[in-house]
Amino acid sequence: MAGPIIAGADALVMDPRDHVATAIKDLKQGQRITFRVQEQVQEVALLDDVPFGHKIAIQDIPAGTDIRKYGEVIGRTTTQILAGQHVHVHNVEGIRGRGDQAKA
């Protein structure tokens, strides 16, 4: 469980294994945002604008990494993503339901 939402939080992280946080309001490039991972409050400076409901990398993520949100793999990075970057279809590909991505 993610725990309570702290006053002033800008984004939510649901599972400590997550690579991303979810914006709970529109966020602007250059802004420092606050989020909680378990009991630890963390910050990251945004490298891009991030709309409400979209994902933000909370750590550097190498290209080809299975990316996690809610503790579950939601896709794979198509390029390196830096902490603070917007994470969306321009840098993550879906892998669910793809026969060419099925593990043998």
Protein backbone atom coordinates (compact mmCIF):
# COMPACT_ATOMS: atom_id res chain seq x y z
CA MET A 1 0.00 0.00 0.00
CA ALA A 2 1.29 3.47 -0.86
CA GLY A 3 0.25 5.02 2.44
CA PRO A 4 -1.52 8.32 2.94
CA ILE A 5 -1.22 11.14 0.44
CA ILE A 6 0.95 13.85 1.97
CA ALA A 7 -0.12 17.47 1.83
CA GLY A 8 1.60 19.15 -1.08
CA ALA A 9 2.30 15.93 -3.01
CA ASP A 10 2.37 16.44 -6.77
CA ALA A 11 2.42 12.80 -7.84
CA LEU A 12 1.63 9.33 -6.50
CA VAL A 13 3.76 6.17 -6.38
CA MET A 14 1.73 3.07 -5.57
CA ASP A 15 4.43 0.41 -5.19
CA PRO A 16 8.10 0.69 -4.14
CA ARG A 17 9.11 -1.27 -7.29
CA ASP A 18 7.59 1.41 -9.57
CA HIS A 19 9.78 3.35 -11.99
CA VAL A 20 7.17 6.11 -12.33
CA ALA A 21 4.89 8.40 -10.37
CA THR A 22 1.48 9.56 -11.61
CA ALA A 23 0.84 13.33 -11.77
CA ILE A 24 -2.18 14.38 -9.69
CA LYS A 25 -2.27 17.80 -11.38
CA ASP A 26 -0.76 19.46 -14.46
CA LEU A 27 2.99 19.91 -13.89
CA LYS A 28 5.46 22.19 -15.66
CA GLN A 29 9.02 21.68 -16.90
CA GLY A 30 11.57 22.92 -14.35
CA GLN A 31 9.20 22.44 -11.42
CA ARG A 32 10.46 20.37 -8.47
CA ILE A 33 7.78 17.86 -7.52
CA THR A 34 7.25 15.87 -4.33
CA PHE A 35 6.11 12.26 -4.02
CA ARG A 36 6.32 9.46 -1.45
CA VAL A 37 7.84 6.01 -1.86
CA GLN A 38 6.71 4.06 1.20
CA GLU A 39 7.75 6.23 4.18
CA GLN A 40 10.30 8.32 2.27
CA VAL A 41 9.35 11.69 0.74
CA GLN A 42 11.32 12.33 -2.45
CA GLU A 43 11.65 15.10 -5.02
CA VAL A 44 12.59 15.29 -8.68
CA ALA A 45 12.97 18.24 -11.07
CA LEU A 46 10.78 17.91 -14.16
CA LEU A 47 12.52 17.83 -17.53
CA ASP A 48 9.19 18.08 -19.43
CA ASP A 49 5.65 19.32 -18.92
CA VAL A 50 3.54 16.44 -17.55
CA PRO A 51 -0.27 16.56 -17.84
CA PHE A 52 -2.58 15.39 -15.05
CA GLY A 53 -2.77 11.59 -14.94
CA HIS A 54 0.42 11.03 -16.91
CA LYS A 55 3.60 9.35 -15.71
CA ILE A 56 6.92 10.83 -14.56
CA ALA A 57 10.16 8.85 -14.31
CA ILE A 58 11.34 8.89 -10.69
CA GLN A 59 14.68 7.33 -11.57
CA ASP A 60 16.84 6.96 -14.66
CA ILE A 61 15.53 4.03 -16.72
CA PRO A 62 17.73 2.40 -19.38
CA ALA A 63 16.40 1.65 -22.88
CA GLY A 64 14.83 -1.81 -23.11
CA THR A 65 13.72 -1.90 -19.46
CA ASP A 66 10.36 -3.43 -18.49
CA ILE A 67 8.76 -0.46 -16.76
CA ARG A 68 6.58 -0.77 -13.65
CA LYS A 69 3.54 1.16 -12.42
CA TYR A 70 1.32 -0.15 -9.60
CA GLY A 71 3.97 -2.86 -9.17
CA GLU A 72 3.10 -4.34 -12.59
CA VAL A 73 4.95 -4.21 -15.90
CA ILE A 74 3.08 -1.77 -18.16
CA GLY A 75 5.48 -1.66 -21.11
CA ARG A 76 9.10 -1.43 -22.18
CA THR A 77 11.21 1.67 -22.67
CA THR A 78 12.18 2.39 -26.28
CA THR A 79 14.89 4.85 -25.27
CA GLN A 80 16.70 5.85 -22.10
CA ILE A 81 14.40 7.89 -19.85
CA LEU A 82 15.88 10.25 -17.27
CA ALA A 83 14.42 10.97 -13.85
CA GLY A 84 11.95 13.84 -14.28
CA GLN A 85 10.99 13.03 -17.87
CA HIS A 86 7.42 12.52 -19.07
CA VAL A 87 6.80 8.78 -19.60
CA HIS A 88 4.24 8.06 -22.32
CA VAL A 89 3.82 6.48 -25.76
CA HIS A 90 6.77 8.46 -27.20
CA ASN A 91 9.27 6.53 -25.04
CA VAL A 92 7.42 3.35 -23.91
CA GLU A 93 5.94 0.56 -26.04
CA GLY A 94 3.14 -1.70 -24.89
CA ILE A 95 4.06 -5.37 -24.65
CA ARG A 96 0.79 -6.92 -23.44
CA GLY A 97 -1.03 -9.03 -25.99
CA ARG A 98 1.93 -9.00 -28.39
CA GLY A 99 2.75 -12.49 -29.59
CA ASP A 100 6.15 -11.27 -30.82
CA GLN A 101 7.01 -10.31 -27.22
CA ALA A 102 5.81 -13.55 -25.56
CA LYS A 103 8.43 -15.28 -23.44
CA ALA A 104 9.12 -18.88 -24.43
